[in-house]
Amino acid sequence: MGLNAGRYIGERLKDVADARVVELAGLDTLELTKQRTQGFDDALSNYPNITKVARQAAEFTVESGQAKMAQLLQAQKDFDALWNHDDDQGVGALRAIEQAGRDEFVMVGGAGSKSAMEAIQSDDSVLKATVLYPPTMAASAIALARALGQGKGVSGLAELEIPSSLTLYSAIVTKDNVEDYLPTGFV
């Protein structure tokens, strides 16, 4: 998720001199938070004009998203983009942004909630994209477990062994494709 969020932001800001971004992460004790941050940082390393100027860890809740975003907004008077790790905490982040009267940046969320997709569709806030968990994630995990249990390889791969790691694509939902993904949004 972080890699695609960074790529999206990078492409949006590639022509902006001295672009500044902030990150509203999840719980720092979780491996998924570390991976999202690392992916984001890896993607931004391809854009020398972009600097991450602040990072704040929240707790994947509406309340923590609002409180931590308010702190970021106080500390950073000017930035161009926000990567928010989770659409639920993004509800709170959007409240803080609206309360502060700020709209000079774009926001990218993560997870693919229905409310985030509806906000992207309405195009009346800073939220311009969300990076999905792959909708096929559970089905893929079951297929891999079944193949492992049966001692088989994975259909479509030449290898007979099941890979120790498999990365699924995390689609980026924007105003251009939100209609396609809206039915997959979670409540």
C-alpha atoms as a PDB file:
ATOM      1  CA  MET A   1       0.000   0.000   0.000  1.00  0.00           C
ATOM      2  CA  GLY A   2       2.718   2.445   0.951  1.00  0.00           C
ATOM      3  CA  LEU A   3       4.615   1.883  -2.280  1.00  0.00           C
ATOM      4  CA  ASN A   4       1.594   2.715  -4.434  1.00  0.00           C
ATOM      5  CA  ALA A   5       0.636   5.664  -2.234  1.00  0.00           C
ATOM      6  CA  GLY A   6       4.160   7.019  -2.696  1.00  0.00           C
ATOM      7  CA  ARG A   7       4.049   6.456  -6.447  1.00  0.00           C
ATOM      8  CA  TYR A   8       0.698   8.228  -6.738  1.00  0.00           C
ATOM      9  CA  ILE A   9       1.895  11.203  -4.696  1.00  0.00           C
ATOM     10  CA  GLY A  10       5.212  11.224  -6.522  1.00  0.00           C
ATOM     11  CA  GLU A  11       3.516  11.449  -9.897  1.00  0.00           C
ATOM     12  CA  ARG A  12       1.156  14.170  -8.662  1.00  0.00           C
ATOM     13  CA  LEU A  13       4.073  16.229  -7.340  1.00  0.00           C
ATOM     14  CA  LYS A  14       6.868  15.377  -9.781  1.00  0.00           C
ATOM     15  CA  ASP A  15       6.803  18.871 -11.298  1.00  0.00           C
ATOM     16  CA  VAL A  16       6.472  20.738  -7.983  1.00  0.00           C
ATOM     17  CA  ALA A  17       9.764  22.247  -6.852  1.00  0.00           C
ATOM     18  CA  ASP A  18      10.635  21.423  -3.239  1.00  0.00           C
ATOM     19  CA  ALA A  19       7.437  19.458  -2.653  1.00  0.00           C
ATOM     20  CA  ARG A  20       6.715  18.575   0.959  1.00  0.00           C
ATOM     21  CA  VAL A  21       4.737  15.593   2.215  1.00  0.00           C
ATOM     22  CA  VAL A  22       3.562  14.378   5.601  1.00  0.00           C
ATOM     23  CA  GLU A  23       2.595  10.915   6.772  1.00  0.00           C
ATOM     24  CA  LEU A  24      -0.122   9.924   9.221  1.00  0.00           C
ATOM     25  CA  ALA A  25       0.884   6.361  10.065  1.00  0.00           C
ATOM     26  CA  GLY A  26      -0.794   3.659  12.084  1.00  0.00           C
ATOM     27  CA  LEU A  27       0.516   1.923  15.196  1.00  0.00           C
ATOM     28  CA  ASP A  28       4.305   1.892  15.027  1.00  0.00           C
ATOM     29  CA  THR A  29       4.482  -1.429  16.868  1.00  0.00           C
ATOM     30  CA  LEU A  30       2.759  -3.243  13.981  1.00  0.00           C
ATOM     31  CA  GLU A  31       4.743  -4.754  11.129  1.00  0.00           C
ATOM     32  CA  LEU A  32       2.168  -3.554   8.587  1.00  0.00           C
ATOM     33  CA  THR A  33       2.737   0.046   9.669  1.00  0.00           C
ATOM     34  CA  LYS A  34       6.480  -0.372   9.240  1.00  0.00           C
ATOM     35  CA  GLN A  35       5.957  -1.914   5.799  1.00  0.00           C
ATOM     36  CA  ARG A  36       3.620   0.863   4.680  1.00  0.00           C
ATOM     37  CA  THR A  37       6.101   3.519   5.773  1.00  0.00           C
ATOM     38  CA  GLN A  38       9.016   1.697   4.137  1.00  0.00           C
ATOM     39  CA  GLY A  39       7.117   1.289   0.870  1.00  0.00           C
ATOM     40  CA  PHE A  40       6.149   4.956   0.917  1.00  0.00           C
ATOM     41  CA  ASP A  41       9.731   6.045   1.576  1.00  0.00           C
ATOM     42  CA  ASP A  42      11.035   3.701  -1.140  1.00  0.00           C
ATOM     43  CA  ALA A  43       8.640   5.195  -3.702  1.00  0.00           C
ATOM     44  CA  LEU A  44       9.477   8.781  -2.730  1.00  0.00           C
ATOM     45  CA  SER A  45      13.197   8.063  -3.166  1.00  0.00           C
ATOM     46  CA  ASN A  46      12.505   8.135  -6.925  1.00  0.00           C
ATOM     47  CA  TYR A  47      11.399  11.766  -6.712  1.00  0.00           C
ATOM     48  CA  PRO A  48      14.333  13.974  -5.623  1.00  0.00           C
ATOM     49  CA  ASN A  49      12.110  17.059  -5.504  1.00  0.00           C
ATOM     50  CA  ILE A  50       9.949  15.585  -2.711  1.00  0.00           C
ATOM     51  CA  THR A  51      10.831  15.630   0.986  1.00  0.00           C
ATOM     52  CA  LYS A  52       8.867  13.990   3.779  1.00  0.00           C
ATOM     53  CA  VAL A  53       8.824  16.740   6.400  1.00  0.00           C
ATOM     54  CA  ALA A  54       6.793  15.075   9.145  1.00  0.00           C
ATOM     55  CA  ARG A  55       5.422  11.757  10.294  1.00  0.00           C
ATOM     56  CA  GLN A  56       2.962  11.131  13.103  1.00  0.00           C
ATOM     57  CA  ALA A  57       1.808   7.716  14.309  1.00  0.00           C
ATOM     58  CA  ALA A  58      -1.877   7.321  15.147  1.00  0.00           C
ATOM     59  CA  GLU A  59      -3.813   4.237  16.263  1.00  0.00           C
ATOM     60  CA  PHE A  60      -6.026   3.372  13.269  1.00  0.00           C
ATOM     61  CA  THR A  61      -9.035   4.999  14.961  1.00  0.00           C
ATOM     62  CA  VAL A  62     -11.167   8.005  14.049  1.00  0.00           C
ATOM     63  CA  GLU A  63     -10.274   9.705  17.336  1.00  0.00           C
ATOM     64  CA  SER A  64      -6.523   9.231  17.030  1.00  0.00           C
ATOM     65  CA  GLY A  65      -6.634  10.262  13.378  1.00  0.00           C
ATOM     66  CA  GLN A  66      -8.294  13.523  14.299  1.00  0.00           C
ATOM     67  CA  ALA A  67      -5.965  14.269  17.229  1.00  0.00           C
ATOM     68  CA  LYS A  68      -2.743  13.372  15.427  1.00  0.00           C
ATOM     69  CA  MET A  69      -3.766  15.171  12.232  1.00  0.00           C
ATOM     70  CA  ALA A  70      -4.536  18.301  14.242  1.00  0.00           C
ATOM     71  CA  GLN A  71      -0.982  18.102  15.638  1.00  0.00           C
ATOM     72  CA  LEU A  72       0.482  17.689  12.151  1.00  0.00           C
ATOM     73  CA  LEU A  73      -1.497  20.650  10.864  1.00  0.00           C
ATOM     74  CA  GLN A  74      -0.282  22.803  13.743  1.00  0.00           C
ATOM     75  CA  ALA A  75       3.341  21.820  13.208  1.00  0.00           C
ATOM     76  CA  GLN A  76       3.344  21.982   9.395  1.00  0.00           C
ATOM     77  CA  LYS A  77       2.028  25.241   8.033  1.00  0.00           C
ATOM     78  CA  ASP A  78       2.631  24.262   4.407  1.00  0.00           C
ATOM     79  CA  PHE A  79       2.797  20.902   2.629  1.00  0.00           C
ATOM     80  CA  ASP A  80       1.659  19.412  -0.656  1.00  0.00           C
ATOM     81  CA  ALA A  81       0.460  15.889   0.157  1.00  0.00           C
ATOM     82  CA  LEU A  82      -0.583  13.624   3.011  1.00  0.00           C
ATOM     83  CA  TRP A  83      -0.297   9.806   3.088  1.00  0.00           C
ATOM     84  CA  ASN A  84      -2.749   8.466   5.654  1.00  0.00           C
ATOM     85  CA  HIS A  85      -2.334   4.741   6.373  1.00  0.00           C
ATOM     86  CA  ASP A  86      -5.966   3.934   7.098  1.00  0.00           C
ATOM     87  CA  ASP A  87      -9.333   5.182   5.851  1.00  0.00           C
ATOM     88  CA  ASP A  88     -10.971   4.797   9.278  1.00  0.00           C
ATOM     89  CA  GLN A  89      -8.417   7.060  10.949  1.00  0.00           C
ATOM     90  CA  GLY A  90      -8.789   9.210   7.829  1.00  0.00           C
ATOM     91  CA  VAL A  91     -12.334  10.077   8.884  1.00  0.00           C
ATOM     92  CA  GLY A  92     -10.829  11.817  11.902  1.00  0.00           C
ATOM     93  CA  ALA A  93      -8.007  13.299   9.847  1.00  0.00           C
ATOM     94  CA  LEU A  94     -10.536  14.838   7.459  1.00  0.00           C
ATOM     95  CA  ARG A  95     -12.417  16.331  10.417  1.00  0.00           C
ATOM     96  CA  ALA A  96      -9.226  17.970  11.682  1.00  0.00           C
ATOM     97  CA  ILE A  97      -8.396  19.240   8.193  1.00  0.00           C
ATOM     98  CA  GLU A  98     -11.877  20.713   7.765  1.00  0.00           C
ATOM     99  CA  GLN A  99     -11.792  22.288  11.253  1.00  0.00           C
ATOM    100  CA  ALA A 100      -8.426  23.881  10.434  1.00  0.00           C
ATOM    101  CA  GLY A 101      -9.785  25.201   7.124  1.00  0.00           C
ATOM    102  CA  ARG A 102      -6.895  23.657   5.188  1.00  0.00           C
ATOM    103  CA  ASP A 103      -7.166  22.486   1.598  1.00  0.00           C
ATOM    104  CA  GLU A 104      -3.825  23.267  -0.049  1.00  0.00           C
ATOM    105  CA  PHE A 105      -2.729  19.626  -0.260  1.00  0.00           C
ATOM    106  CA  VAL A 106      -3.924  16.263  -1.547  1.00  0.00           C
ATOM    107  CA  MET A 107      -4.594  13.304   0.719  1.00  0.00           C
ATOM    108  CA  VAL A 108      -4.148   9.639  -0.114  1.00  0.00           C
ATOM    109  CA  GLY A 109      -5.761   7.076   2.185  1.00  0.00           C
ATOM    110  CA  GLY A 110      -5.378   3.388   2.605  1.00  0.00           C
ATOM    111  CA  ALA A 111      -7.690   0.361   2.834  1.00  0.00           C
ATOM    112  CA  GLY A 112     -10.576   1.205   0.521  1.00  0.00           C
ATOM    113  CA  SER A 113     -13.505   2.056   2.752  1.00  0.00           C
ATOM    114  CA  LYS A 114     -16.829   2.878   1.145  1.00  0.00           C
ATOM    115  CA  SER A 115     -16.880   6.288   2.869  1.00  0.00           C
ATOM    116  CA  ALA A 116     -13.426   7.135   1.461  1.00  0.00           C
ATOM    117  CA  MET A 117     -14.529   6.107  -2.020  1.00  0.00           C
ATOM    118  CA  GLU A 118     -17.666   8.209  -1.723  1.00  0.00           C
ATOM    119  CA  ALA A 119     -15.545  11.207  -0.656  1.00  0.00           C
ATOM    120  CA  ILE A 120     -13.268  10.646  -3.651  1.00  0.00           C
ATOM    121  CA  GLN A 121     -16.320  10.374  -5.902  1.00  0.00           C
ATOM    122  CA  SER A 122     -17.842  13.616  -4.614  1.00  0.00           C
ATOM    123  CA  ASP A 123     -14.482  15.393  -5.060  1.00  0.00           C
ATOM    124  CA  ASP A 124     -15.244  17.963  -2.369  1.00  0.00           C
ATOM    125  CA  SER A 125     -12.347  17.359   0.028  1.00  0.00           C
ATOM    126  CA  VAL A 126      -8.573  16.936  -0.024  1.00  0.00           C
ATOM    127  CA  LEU A 127      -9.004  13.137  -0.231  1.00  0.00           C
ATOM    128  CA  LYS A 128      -8.176  12.293  -3.846  1.00  0.00           C
ATOM    129  CA  ALA A 129      -7.212   8.596  -3.682  1.00  0.00           C
ATOM    130  CA  THR A 130      -7.155   5.492  -1.517  1.00  0.00           C
ATOM    131  CA  VAL A 131      -4.935   2.449  -1.920  1.00  0.00           C
ATOM    132  CA  LEU A 132      -6.813  -0.820  -1.583  1.00  0.00           C
ATOM    133  CA  TYR A 133      -6.150  -4.016   0.174  1.00  0.00           C
ATOM    134  CA  PRO A 134      -6.471  -6.415  -2.738  1.00  0.00           C
ATOM    135  CA  PRO A 135     -10.121  -7.575  -2.773  1.00  0.00           C
ATOM    136  CA  THR A 136      -8.917 -11.074  -3.687  1.00  0.00           C
ATOM    137  CA  MET A 137      -6.593 -11.290  -0.681  1.00  0.00           C
ATOM    138  CA  ALA A 138      -8.682 -13.795   1.306  1.00  0.00           C
ATOM    139  CA  ALA A 139      -9.426 -15.970  -1.706  1.00  0.00           C
ATOM    140  CA  SER A 140      -5.737 -16.019  -2.639  1.00  0.00           C
ATOM    141  CA  ALA A 141      -4.758 -17.011   0.899  1.00  0.00           C
ATOM    142  CA  ILE A 142      -7.260 -19.884   0.872  1.00  0.00           C
ATOM    143  CA  ALA A 143      -6.010 -21.080  -2.530  1.00  0.00           C
ATOM    144  CA  LEU A 144      -2.415 -21.002  -1.294  1.00  0.00           C
ATOM    145  CA  ALA A 145      -3.301 -22.859   1.905  1.00  0.00           C
ATOM    146  CA  ARG A 146      -5.157 -25.486  -0.106  1.00  0.00           C
ATOM    147  CA  ALA A 147      -2.223 -25.937  -2.483  1.00  0.00           C
ATOM    148  CA  LEU A 148       0.161 -26.207   0.452  1.00  0.00           C
ATOM    149  CA  GLY A 149      -2.048 -28.789   2.159  1.00  0.00           C
ATOM    150  CA  GLN A 150      -2.242 -30.841  -1.010  1.00  0.00           C
ATOM    151  CA  GLY A 151       1.486 -30.569  -1.684  1.00  0.00           C
ATOM    152  CA  LYS A 152       0.828 -28.859  -5.022  1.00  0.00           C
ATOM    153  CA  GLY A 153       2.304 -25.817  -6.674  1.00  0.00           C
ATOM    154  CA  VAL A 154       0.368 -22.709  -7.541  1.00  0.00           C
ATOM    155  CA  SER A 155      -1.600 -22.706 -10.786  1.00  0.00           C
ATOM    156  CA  GLY A 156      -0.054 -20.409 -13.347  1.00  0.00           C
ATOM    157  CA  LEU A 157       3.435 -20.506 -11.826  1.00  0.00           C
ATOM    158  CA  ALA A 158       6.143 -22.739 -13.259  1.00  0.00           C
ATOM    159  CA  GLU A 159       7.559 -23.505  -9.811  1.00  0.00           C
ATOM    160  CA  LEU A 160       6.295 -26.574  -7.975  1.00  0.00           C
ATOM    161  CA  GLU A 161       6.962 -25.001  -4.590  1.00  0.00           C
ATOM    162  CA  ILE A 162       4.724 -22.397  -3.045  1.00  0.00           C
ATOM    163  CA  PRO A 163       6.636 -19.102  -2.687  1.00  0.00           C
ATOM    164  CA  SER A 164       7.461 -18.041   0.863  1.00  0.00           C
ATOM    165  CA  SER A 165       6.241 -14.540   0.034  1.00  0.00           C
ATOM    166  CA  LEU A 166       3.618 -13.298  -2.376  1.00  0.00           C
ATOM    167  CA  THR A 167       2.800  -9.642  -2.902  1.00  0.00           C
ATOM    168  CA  LEU A 168      -0.620  -8.813  -4.308  1.00  0.00           C
ATOM    169  CA  TYR A 169      -1.278  -5.598  -6.203  1.00  0.00           C
ATOM    170  CA  SER A 170      -2.835  -2.728  -4.245  1.00  0.00           C
ATOM    171  CA  ALA A 171      -4.987  -0.740  -6.650  1.00  0.00           C
ATOM    172  CA  ILE A 172      -5.187   3.023  -6.396  1.00  0.00           C
ATOM    173  CA  VAL A 173      -8.759   4.314  -6.437  1.00  0.00           C
ATOM    174  CA  THR A 174      -9.196   7.829  -7.830  1.00  0.00           C
ATOM    175  CA  LYS A 175     -12.079   9.839  -9.213  1.00  0.00           C
ATOM    176  CA  ASP A 176     -11.320   8.276 -12.609  1.00  0.00           C
ATOM    177  CA  ASN A 177     -11.969   4.678 -11.508  1.00  0.00           C
ATOM    178  CA  VAL A 178     -13.971   4.925  -8.280  1.00  0.00           C
ATOM    179  CA  GLU A 179     -17.134   3.622  -9.978  1.00  0.00           C
ATOM    180  CA  ASP A 180     -15.325   0.333 -10.689  1.00  0.00           C
ATOM    181  CA  TYR A 181     -14.173  -0.131  -7.098  1.00  0.00           C
ATOM    182  CA  LEU A 182     -17.101   1.310  -5.092  1.00  0.00           C
ATOM    183  CA  PRO A 183     -18.848  -2.085  -4.825  1.00  0.00           C
ATOM    184  CA  THR A 184     -15.717  -3.468  -3.080  1.00  0.00           C
ATOM    185  CA  GLY A 185     -15.604  -0.697  -0.445  1.00  0.00           C
ATOM    186  CA  PHE A 186     -16.026  -1.881   3.109  1.00  0.00           C
ATOM    187  CA  VAL A 187     -18.332  -0.220   5.625  1.00  0.00           C
END
